[in-house]
Amino acid sequence: MTAVESPTKHSRPATDAGRAVTALALRQTRRGALVVIGLAAGMSAVAVAAYASTVKDPADAAALEALAGNPAIRTLFGEPVALDDAGGFAVWRTGTVLAVVLAVWALLAATRITRGEEDAGRWDVLLAGRVPVTTVVARHVAVLAAAYPTTPSTGPRPS
């Protein structure tokens, strides 16, 4: 008789495969997420520096309030909140732009790691394993969802 090894020797192959898929998704999105985070932080730092060099006295602050009252400026940058503070100014100036940049990055990254990998033929090999397609896509989306909130806040600050 031939001895058959117990299947419990290998802990959980499906879980290990799921971890491998998550690690793949992390590798595929890491560089882009770091670039977007750097861009967002850099834009915010430049806005704070611009505020510090531009608004030095109450007359400058009044001129900034008048500028923020312009309907065209409000359309471009949104409703200003706390323009008397460098942080409020930075959020007002960069909020809309960063929201668009982050949304475009998320859409392009999601497309690249799903449809792009499928077109390249790499998902055929990946899906030939133990992990079903729904799990693969769910893990990739989870990695993107986890990367998205780690970027600097683009919304108005609470009062």
N, C-alpha and C. Protein backbone atom coordinates (compact mmCIF):
# COMPACT_ATOMS: atom_id res chain seq x y z
N MET A 1 0.83 -1.19 0.00
CA MET A 1 0.00 0.00 0.00
C MET A 1 0.87 1.25 0.00
N THR A 2 0.35 2.23 -0.61
CA THR A 2 1.06 3.49 -0.70
C THR A 2 0.54 4.43 0.38
N ALA A 3 1.44 5.05 1.07
CA ALA A 3 1.05 6.00 2.11
C ALA A 3 0.75 7.35 1.47
N VAL A 4 -0.32 7.95 1.92
CA VAL A 4 -0.73 9.27 1.41
C VAL A 4 -0.54 10.27 2.54
N GLU A 5 0.10 11.39 2.22
CA GLU A 5 0.32 12.40 3.24
C GLU A 5 -0.97 13.15 3.54
N SER A 6 -1.09 13.57 4.75
CA SER A 6 -2.26 14.32 5.19
C SER A 6 -2.26 15.71 4.55
N PRO A 7 -3.44 16.19 4.12
CA PRO A 7 -3.51 17.51 3.52
C PRO A 7 -3.26 18.63 4.53
N THR A 8 -3.23 18.33 5.83
CA THR A 8 -3.03 19.37 6.83
C THR A 8 -1.57 19.79 6.94
N LYS A 9 -0.68 19.11 6.23
CA LYS A 9 0.73 19.47 6.28
C LYS A 9 0.96 20.87 5.72
N HIS A 10 0.27 21.21 4.66
CA HIS A 10 0.34 22.55 4.09
C HIS A 10 -0.81 23.34 4.69
N SER A 11 -0.49 24.37 5.45
CA SER A 11 -1.48 25.06 6.29
C SER A 11 -2.74 25.47 5.53
N ARG A 12 -2.72 26.46 4.73
CA ARG A 12 -3.89 26.89 3.98
C ARG A 12 -3.44 27.42 2.63
N PRO A 13 -3.41 26.61 1.62
CA PRO A 13 -2.91 27.09 0.32
C PRO A 13 -3.73 28.23 -0.26
N ALA A 14 -5.05 28.22 -0.05
CA ALA A 14 -5.88 29.28 -0.61
C ALA A 14 -5.56 30.61 0.07
N THR A 15 -5.32 30.59 1.37
CA THR A 15 -4.97 31.81 2.09
C THR A 15 -3.60 32.31 1.65
N ASP A 16 -2.66 31.39 1.49
CA ASP A 16 -1.33 31.79 1.01
C ASP A 16 -1.41 32.38 -0.39
N ALA A 17 -2.24 31.81 -1.24
CA ALA A 17 -2.41 32.34 -2.59
C ALA A 17 -3.07 33.72 -2.54
N GLY A 18 -4.02 33.90 -1.63
CA GLY A 18 -4.65 35.21 -1.47
C GLY A 18 -3.66 36.26 -1.02
N ARG A 19 -2.78 35.88 -0.11
CA ARG A 19 -1.73 36.81 0.33
C ARG A 19 -0.80 37.16 -0.83
N ALA A 20 -0.50 36.20 -1.66
CA ALA A 20 0.36 36.45 -2.81
C ALA A 20 -0.32 37.42 -3.78
N VAL A 21 -1.62 37.29 -3.96
CA VAL A 21 -2.35 38.20 -4.85
C VAL A 21 -2.35 39.61 -4.26
N THR A 22 -2.53 39.72 -2.94
CA THR A 22 -2.48 41.03 -2.30
C THR A 22 -1.10 41.65 -2.43
N ALA A 23 -0.07 40.85 -2.26
CA ALA A 23 1.30 41.36 -2.41
C ALA A 23 1.55 41.82 -3.84
N LEU A 24 0.99 41.10 -4.82
CA LEU A 24 1.10 41.51 -6.22
C LEU A 24 0.43 42.87 -6.42
N ALA A 25 -0.76 43.03 -5.88
CA ALA A 25 -1.48 44.30 -6.02
C ALA A 25 -0.70 45.44 -5.36
N LEU A 26 -0.10 45.18 -4.21
CA LEU A 26 0.72 46.20 -3.54
C LEU A 26 1.92 46.59 -4.40
N ARG A 27 2.57 45.61 -4.98
CA ARG A 27 3.72 45.91 -5.84
C ARG A 27 3.31 46.72 -7.07
N GLN A 28 2.14 46.43 -7.60
CA GLN A 28 1.70 47.11 -8.81
C GLN A 28 1.26 48.56 -8.55
N THR A 29 0.85 48.88 -7.35
CA THR A 29 0.34 50.22 -7.06
C THR A 29 1.28 51.06 -6.20
N ARG A 30 2.30 50.47 -5.65
CA ARG A 30 3.17 51.16 -4.70
C ARG A 30 3.83 52.40 -5.30
N ARG A 31 4.47 52.26 -6.43
CA ARG A 31 5.20 53.39 -7.01
C ARG A 31 4.27 54.54 -7.38
N GLY A 32 3.16 54.22 -8.01
CA GLY A 32 2.20 55.27 -8.37
C GLY A 32 1.62 55.98 -7.16
N ALA A 33 1.33 55.21 -6.11
CA ALA A 33 0.79 55.82 -4.89
C ALA A 33 1.82 56.74 -4.25
N LEU A 34 3.07 56.34 -4.24
CA LEU A 34 4.12 57.19 -3.67
C LEU A 34 4.29 58.48 -4.47
N VAL A 35 4.19 58.39 -5.78
CA VAL A 35 4.29 59.58 -6.62
C VAL A 35 3.13 60.52 -6.34
N VAL A 36 1.92 59.99 -6.24
CA VAL A 36 0.75 60.83 -6.00
C VAL A 36 0.81 61.45 -4.61
N ILE A 37 1.24 60.68 -3.62
CA ILE A 37 1.38 61.23 -2.27
C ILE A 37 2.43 62.34 -2.25
N GLY A 38 3.54 62.13 -2.92
CA GLY A 38 4.57 63.17 -3.01
C GLY A 38 4.07 64.42 -3.71
N LEU A 39 3.31 64.23 -4.79
CA LEU A 39 2.75 65.36 -5.51
C LEU A 39 1.78 66.14 -4.63
N ALA A 40 0.92 65.44 -3.91
CA ALA A 40 -0.05 66.09 -3.03
C ALA A 40 0.65 66.83 -1.90
N ALA A 41 1.64 66.22 -1.30
CA ALA A 41 2.37 66.87 -0.21
C ALA A 41 3.14 68.08 -0.74
N GLY A 42 3.74 67.94 -1.91
CA GLY A 42 4.48 69.05 -2.50
C GLY A 42 3.58 70.22 -2.84
N MET A 43 2.41 69.95 -3.42
CA MET A 43 1.48 71.02 -3.75
C MET A 43 1.00 71.73 -2.49
N SER A 44 0.74 70.97 -1.44
CA SER A 44 0.29 71.57 -0.18
C SER A 44 1.40 72.42 0.43
N ALA A 45 2.63 71.94 0.39
CA ALA A 45 3.76 72.70 0.94
C ALA A 45 3.97 74.00 0.16
N VAL A 46 3.85 73.94 -1.14
CA VAL A 46 4.00 75.14 -1.95
C VAL A 46 2.90 76.15 -1.64
N ALA A 47 1.68 75.67 -1.44
CA ALA A 47 0.57 76.57 -1.10
C ALA A 47 0.79 77.23 0.25
N VAL A 48 1.28 76.48 1.23
CA VAL A 48 1.56 77.05 2.55
C VAL A 48 2.67 78.09 2.43
N ALA A 49 3.72 77.78 1.67
CA ALA A 49 4.82 78.74 1.49
C ALA A 49 4.32 79.99 0.77
N ALA A 50 3.46 79.83 -0.20
CA ALA A 50 2.91 80.98 -0.91
C ALA A 50 2.07 81.84 0.03
N TYR A 51 1.32 81.21 0.91
CA TYR A 51 0.52 81.97 1.89
C TYR A 51 1.43 82.76 2.82
N ALA A 52 2.48 82.11 3.30
CA ALA A 52 3.39 82.77 4.23
C ALA A 52 4.10 83.96 3.59
N SER A 53 4.42 83.87 2.32
CA SER A 53 5.12 84.97 1.66
C SER A 53 4.17 86.04 1.14
N THR A 54 2.90 85.69 0.92
CA THR A 54 1.96 86.64 0.34
C THR A 54 1.16 87.40 1.39
N VAL A 55 0.66 86.71 2.38
CA VAL A 55 -0.20 87.33 3.38
C VAL A 55 0.64 87.66 4.61
N LYS A 56 1.07 88.94 4.68
CA LYS A 56 1.92 89.35 5.79
C LYS A 56 1.24 90.35 6.71
N ASP A 57 0.21 91.03 6.24
CA ASP A 57 -0.48 92.00 7.10
C ASP A 57 -1.99 91.93 6.84
N PRO A 58 -2.80 92.58 7.67
CA PRO A 58 -4.26 92.52 7.50
C PRO A 58 -4.76 93.01 6.14
N ALA A 59 -4.04 93.93 5.51
CA ALA A 59 -4.47 94.41 4.19
C ALA A 59 -4.37 93.28 3.15
N ASP A 60 -3.32 92.48 3.27
CA ASP A 60 -3.18 91.34 2.35
C ASP A 60 -4.29 90.31 2.58
N ALA A 61 -4.64 90.10 3.83
CA ALA A 61 -5.71 89.16 4.15
C ALA A 61 -7.05 89.66 3.61
N ALA A 62 -7.29 90.97 3.69
CA ALA A 62 -8.52 91.54 3.15
C ALA A 62 -8.57 91.39 1.63
N ALA A 63 -7.44 91.58 0.97
CA ALA A 63 -7.39 91.41 -0.49
C ALA A 63 -7.65 89.95 -0.87
N LEU A 64 -7.15 89.03 -0.06
CA LEU A 64 -7.39 87.61 -0.32
C LEU A 64 -8.87 87.28 -0.14
N GLU A 65 -9.50 87.86 0.88
CA GLU A 65 -10.95 87.65 1.09
C GLU A 65 -11.75 88.19 -0.09
N ALA A 66 -11.34 89.34 -0.61
CA ALA A 66 -12.02 89.91 -1.78
C ALA A 66 -11.85 89.00 -3.00
N LEU A 67 -10.66 88.46 -3.16
CA LEU A 67 -10.42 87.53 -4.27
C LEU A 67 -11.28 86.28 -4.12
N ALA A 68 -11.38 85.78 -2.90
CA ALA A 68 -12.17 84.58 -2.66
C ALA A 68 -13.66 84.83 -2.85
N GLY A 69 -14.08 86.08 -2.78
CA GLY A 69 -15.48 86.42 -3.01
C GLY A 69 -15.88 86.43 -4.47
N ASN A 70 -14.91 86.42 -5.36
CA ASN A 70 -15.18 86.42 -6.79
C ASN A 70 -15.82 85.10 -7.19
N PRO A 71 -16.98 85.13 -7.89
CA PRO A 71 -17.65 83.89 -8.27
C PRO A 71 -16.81 82.98 -9.18
N ALA A 72 -16.00 83.57 -10.04
CA ALA A 72 -15.17 82.74 -10.92
C ALA A 72 -14.12 81.98 -10.11
N ILE A 73 -13.52 82.64 -9.13
CA ILE A 73 -12.53 81.99 -8.28
C ILE A 73 -13.19 80.91 -7.43
N ARG A 74 -14.39 81.19 -6.96
CA ARG A 74 -15.12 80.18 -6.17
C ARG A 74 -15.45 78.96 -7.02
N THR A 75 -15.72 79.17 -8.29
CA THR A 75 -15.99 78.04 -9.18
C THR A 75 -14.75 77.18 -9.37
N LEU A 76 -13.60 77.82 -9.51
CA LEU A 76 -12.36 77.08 -9.71
C LEU A 76 -11.87 76.38 -8.45
N PHE A 77 -11.88 77.09 -7.33
CA PHE A 77 -11.26 76.57 -6.12
C PHE A 77 -12.24 76.11 -5.05
N GLY A 78 -13.52 76.38 -5.21
CA GLY A 78 -14.51 75.97 -4.21
C GLY A 78 -14.71 77.03 -3.14
N GLU A 79 -15.56 76.70 -2.20
CA GLU A 79 -15.89 77.60 -1.09
C GLU A 79 -14.70 77.72 -0.14
N PRO A 80 -14.21 78.95 0.10
CA PRO A 80 -13.07 79.08 1.00
C PRO A 80 -13.47 78.90 2.46
N VAL A 81 -12.62 78.21 3.20
CA VAL A 81 -12.82 77.99 4.62
C VAL A 81 -11.52 78.32 5.32
N ALA A 82 -11.57 79.18 6.33
CA ALA A 82 -10.41 79.54 7.15
C ALA A 82 -9.26 80.10 6.32
N LEU A 83 -9.55 81.14 5.54
CA LEU A 83 -8.49 81.76 4.74
C LEU A 83 -7.50 82.55 5.60
N ASP A 84 -7.81 82.75 6.85
CA ASP A 84 -6.89 83.45 7.75
C ASP A 84 -5.78 82.54 8.26
N ASP A 85 -5.82 81.28 7.88
CA ASP A 85 -4.85 80.29 8.33
C ASP A 85 -4.14 79.70 7.10
N ALA A 86 -2.86 79.38 7.24
CA ALA A 86 -2.12 78.80 6.11
C ALA A 86 -2.70 77.45 5.68
N GLY A 87 -3.14 76.64 6.63
CA GLY A 87 -3.74 75.35 6.30
C GLY A 87 -5.03 75.49 5.53
N GLY A 88 -5.89 76.41 5.96
CA GLY A 88 -7.14 76.65 5.26
C GLY A 88 -6.90 77.16 3.85
N PHE A 89 -5.91 78.03 3.70
CA PHE A 89 -5.55 78.53 2.37
C PHE A 89 -5.05 77.40 1.48
N ALA A 90 -4.21 76.54 2.04
CA ALA A 90 -3.65 75.42 1.26
C ALA A 90 -4.75 74.47 0.81
N VAL A 91 -5.69 74.18 1.69
CA VAL A 91 -6.80 73.29 1.31
C VAL A 91 -7.66 73.95 0.24
N TRP A 92 -7.91 75.24 0.40
CA TRP A 92 -8.74 75.95 -0.58
C TRP A 92 -8.07 75.98 -1.95
N ARG A 93 -6.77 76.24 -2.02
CA ARG A 93 -6.07 76.35 -3.29
C ARG A 93 -5.82 74.99 -3.95
N THR A 94 -5.53 73.96 -3.16
CA THR A 94 -5.14 72.68 -3.75
C THR A 94 -6.23 71.62 -3.69
N GLY A 95 -7.29 71.87 -2.96
CA GLY A 95 -8.31 70.84 -2.75
C GLY A 95 -8.92 70.28 -4.02
N THR A 96 -9.40 71.15 -4.87
CA THR A 96 -10.06 70.69 -6.10
C THR A 96 -9.07 69.99 -7.03
N VAL A 97 -7.91 70.58 -7.19
CA VAL A 97 -6.90 70.00 -8.08
C VAL A 97 -6.47 68.62 -7.57
N LEU A 98 -6.21 68.52 -6.27
CA LEU A 98 -5.78 67.23 -5.72
C LEU A 98 -6.90 66.19 -5.78
N ALA A 99 -8.13 66.61 -5.60
CA ALA A 99 -9.24 65.66 -5.72
C ALA A 99 -9.30 65.07 -7.13
N VAL A 100 -9.09 65.91 -8.13
CA VAL A 100 -9.10 65.43 -9.52
C VAL A 100 -7.89 64.52 -9.77
N VAL A 101 -6.71 64.93 -9.30
CA VAL A 101 -5.50 64.12 -9.50
C VAL A 101 -5.66 62.75 -8.84
N LEU A 102 -6.17 62.73 -7.61
CA LEU A 102 -6.34 61.45 -6.91
C LEU A 102 -7.37 60.56 -7.58
N ALA A 103 -8.45 61.16 -8.06
CA ALA A 103 -9.48 60.37 -8.75
C ALA A 103 -8.95 59.78 -10.05
N VAL A 104 -8.21 60.60 -10.81
CA VAL A 104 -7.65 60.11 -12.07
C VAL A 104 -6.63 59.01 -11.80
N TRP A 105 -5.78 59.19 -10.77
CA TRP A 105 -4.81 58.15 -10.44
C TRP A 105 -5.51 56.85 -10.06
N ALA A 106 -6.56 56.94 -9.24
CA ALA A 106 -7.26 55.73 -8.83
C ALA A 106 -7.90 55.02 -10.02
N LEU A 107 -8.49 55.78 -10.93
CA LEU A 107 -9.10 55.17 -12.12
C LEU A 107 -8.05 54.52 -13.02
N LEU A 108 -6.95 55.22 -13.25
CA LEU A 108 -5.92 54.66 -14.11
C LEU A 108 -5.23 53.45 -13.48
N ALA A 109 -5.01 53.50 -12.18
CA ALA A 109 -4.39 52.36 -11.50
C ALA A 109 -5.31 51.15 -11.52
N ALA A 110 -6.59 51.38 -11.27
CA ALA A 110 -7.55 50.27 -11.29
C ALA A 110 -7.63 49.65 -12.68
N THR A 111 -7.63 50.48 -13.70
CA THR A 111 -7.67 49.98 -15.07
C THR A 111 -6.41 49.19 -15.41
N ARG A 112 -5.27 49.73 -14.99
CA ARG A 112 -4.00 49.06 -15.31
C ARG A 112 -3.88 47.70 -14.64
N ILE A 113 -4.28 47.62 -13.37
CA ILE A 113 -4.07 46.35 -12.67
C ILE A 113 -5.19 45.33 -12.93
N THR A 114 -6.22 45.75 -13.60
CA THR A 114 -7.25 44.76 -13.96
C THR A 114 -7.22 44.51 -15.47
N ARG A 115 -7.68 45.44 -16.23
CA ARG A 115 -7.79 45.24 -17.68
C ARG A 115 -6.41 45.18 -18.35
N GLY A 116 -5.49 46.00 -17.90
CA GLY A 116 -4.15 45.99 -18.51
C GLY A 116 -3.43 44.67 -18.32
N GLU A 117 -3.52 44.11 -17.13
CA GLU A 117 -2.89 42.82 -16.86
C GLU A 117 -3.59 41.70 -17.64
N GLU A 118 -4.90 41.84 -17.81
CA GLU A 118 -5.65 40.84 -18.59
C GLU A 118 -5.24 40.89 -20.05
N ASP A 119 -5.13 42.08 -20.62
CA ASP A 119 -4.71 42.22 -22.01
C ASP A 119 -3.30 41.72 -22.24
N ALA A 120 -2.44 41.89 -21.25
CA ALA A 120 -1.06 41.44 -21.38
C ALA A 120 -0.94 39.92 -21.25
N GLY A 121 -1.99 39.27 -20.78
CA GLY A 121 -1.98 37.82 -20.66
C GLY A 121 -1.47 37.29 -19.33
N ARG A 122 -1.16 38.20 -18.41
CA ARG A 122 -0.63 37.74 -17.13
C ARG A 122 -1.72 37.22 -16.20
N TRP A 123 -2.95 37.68 -16.36
CA TRP A 123 -4.01 37.19 -15.48
C TRP A 123 -4.41 35.77 -15.82
N ASP A 124 -4.19 35.34 -17.04
CA ASP A 124 -4.50 33.95 -17.38
C ASP A 124 -3.69 33.00 -16.50
N VAL A 125 -2.43 33.32 -16.30
CA VAL A 125 -1.58 32.50 -15.45
C VAL A 125 -2.03 32.62 -13.99
N LEU A 126 -2.35 33.83 -13.56
CA LEU A 126 -2.77 34.05 -12.18
C LEU A 126 -4.07 33.33 -11.87
N LEU A 127 -5.02 33.40 -12.78
CA LEU A 127 -6.33 32.80 -12.54
C LEU A 127 -6.34 31.29 -12.75
N ALA A 128 -5.28 30.73 -13.28
CA ALA A 128 -5.19 29.28 -13.43
C ALA A 128 -4.94 28.61 -12.08
N GLY A 129 -4.61 29.39 -11.07
CA GLY A 129 -4.32 28.86 -9.74
C GLY A 129 -5.58 28.65 -8.91
N ARG A 130 -5.42 28.74 -7.61
CA ARG A 130 -6.49 28.42 -6.67
C ARG A 130 -7.43 29.57 -6.38
N VAL A 131 -7.06 30.77 -6.74
CA VAL A 131 -7.83 31.94 -6.35
C VAL A 131 -8.83 32.30 -7.45
N PRO A 132 -10.12 32.41 -7.11
CA PRO A 132 -11.12 32.76 -8.13
C PRO A 132 -10.99 34.23 -8.53
N VAL A 133 -11.54 34.56 -9.70
CA VAL A 133 -11.42 35.91 -10.24
C VAL A 133 -12.04 36.95 -9.31
N THR A 134 -13.13 36.63 -8.64
CA THR A 134 -13.75 37.61 -7.74
C THR A 134 -12.82 37.96 -6.59
N THR A 135 -12.12 36.99 -6.08
CA THR A 135 -11.18 37.24 -4.98
C THR A 135 -10.00 38.08 -5.46
N VAL A 136 -9.51 37.80 -6.65
CA VAL A 136 -8.38 38.56 -7.20
C VAL A 136 -8.77 40.02 -7.38
N VAL A 137 -9.92 40.26 -7.98
CA VAL A 137 -10.37 41.63 -8.21
C VAL A 137 -10.65 42.32 -6.87
N ALA A 138 -11.29 41.60 -5.94
CA ALA A 138 -11.59 42.19 -4.63
C ALA A 138 -10.32 42.58 -3.89
N ARG A 139 -9.30 41.78 -3.96
CA ARG A 139 -8.04 42.10 -3.28
C ARG A 139 -7.34 43.29 -3.94
N HIS A 140 -7.40 43.37 -5.26
CA HIS A 140 -6.80 44.52 -5.95
C HIS A 140 -7.56 45.80 -5.61
N VAL A 141 -8.87 45.74 -5.58
CA VAL A 141 -9.67 46.92 -5.23
C VAL A 141 -9.43 47.30 -3.77
N ALA A 142 -9.28 46.33 -2.89
CA ALA A 142 -9.00 46.63 -1.49
C ALA A 142 -7.67 47.35 -1.32
N VAL A 143 -6.67 46.95 -2.08
CA VAL A 143 -5.37 47.63 -2.02
C VAL A 143 -5.52 49.07 -2.51
N LEU A 144 -6.25 49.29 -3.60
CA LEU A 144 -6.47 50.66 -4.09
C LEU A 144 -7.26 51.48 -3.08
N ALA A 145 -8.27 50.88 -2.47
CA ALA A 145 -9.06 51.61 -1.48
C ALA A 145 -8.22 51.95 -0.25
N ALA A 146 -7.31 51.09 0.10
CA ALA A 146 -6.43 51.36 1.25
C ALA A 146 -5.41 52.43 0.90
N ALA A 147 -4.97 52.48 -0.34
CA ALA A 147 -3.97 53.48 -0.74
C ALA A 147 -4.60 54.86 -0.90
N TYR A 148 -5.85 54.93 -1.28
CA TYR A 148 -6.49 56.21 -1.55
C TYR A 148 -6.59 57.11 -0.33
N PRO A 149 -7.06 56.62 0.84
CA PRO A 149 -7.17 57.53 1.98
C PRO A 149 -5.84 57.89 2.63
N THR A 150 -4.74 57.25 2.26
CA THR A 150 -3.47 57.59 2.86
C THR A 150 -2.89 58.87 2.28
N THR A 151 -3.52 59.40 1.23
CA THR A 151 -3.05 60.63 0.65
C THR A 151 -3.57 61.79 1.50
N PRO A 152 -2.93 62.95 1.43
CA PRO A 152 -3.35 64.09 2.25
C PRO A 152 -4.80 64.46 1.99
N SER A 153 -5.44 64.99 3.00
CA SER A 153 -6.84 65.37 2.91
C SER A 153 -7.04 66.48 1.92
N THR A 154 -8.09 66.36 1.11
CA THR A 154 -8.39 67.41 0.16
C THR A 154 -9.70 68.10 0.46
N GLY A 155 -10.37 67.68 1.51
CA GLY A 155 -11.65 68.29 1.85
C GLY A 155 -11.49 69.44 2.82
N PRO A 156 -12.57 70.20 3.05
CA PRO A 156 -12.50 71.30 4.00
C PRO A 156 -12.30 70.78 5.42
N ARG A 157 -11.59 71.57 6.19
CA ARG A 157 -11.33 71.17 7.57
C ARG A 157 -12.56 71.43 8.42
N PRO A 158 -12.81 70.55 9.40
CA PRO A 158 -13.96 70.82 10.29
C PRO A 158 -13.69 72.03 11.18
N SER A 159 -14.75 72.74 11.49
CA SER A 159 -14.59 73.95 12.33
C SER A 159 -14.47 73.61 13.79
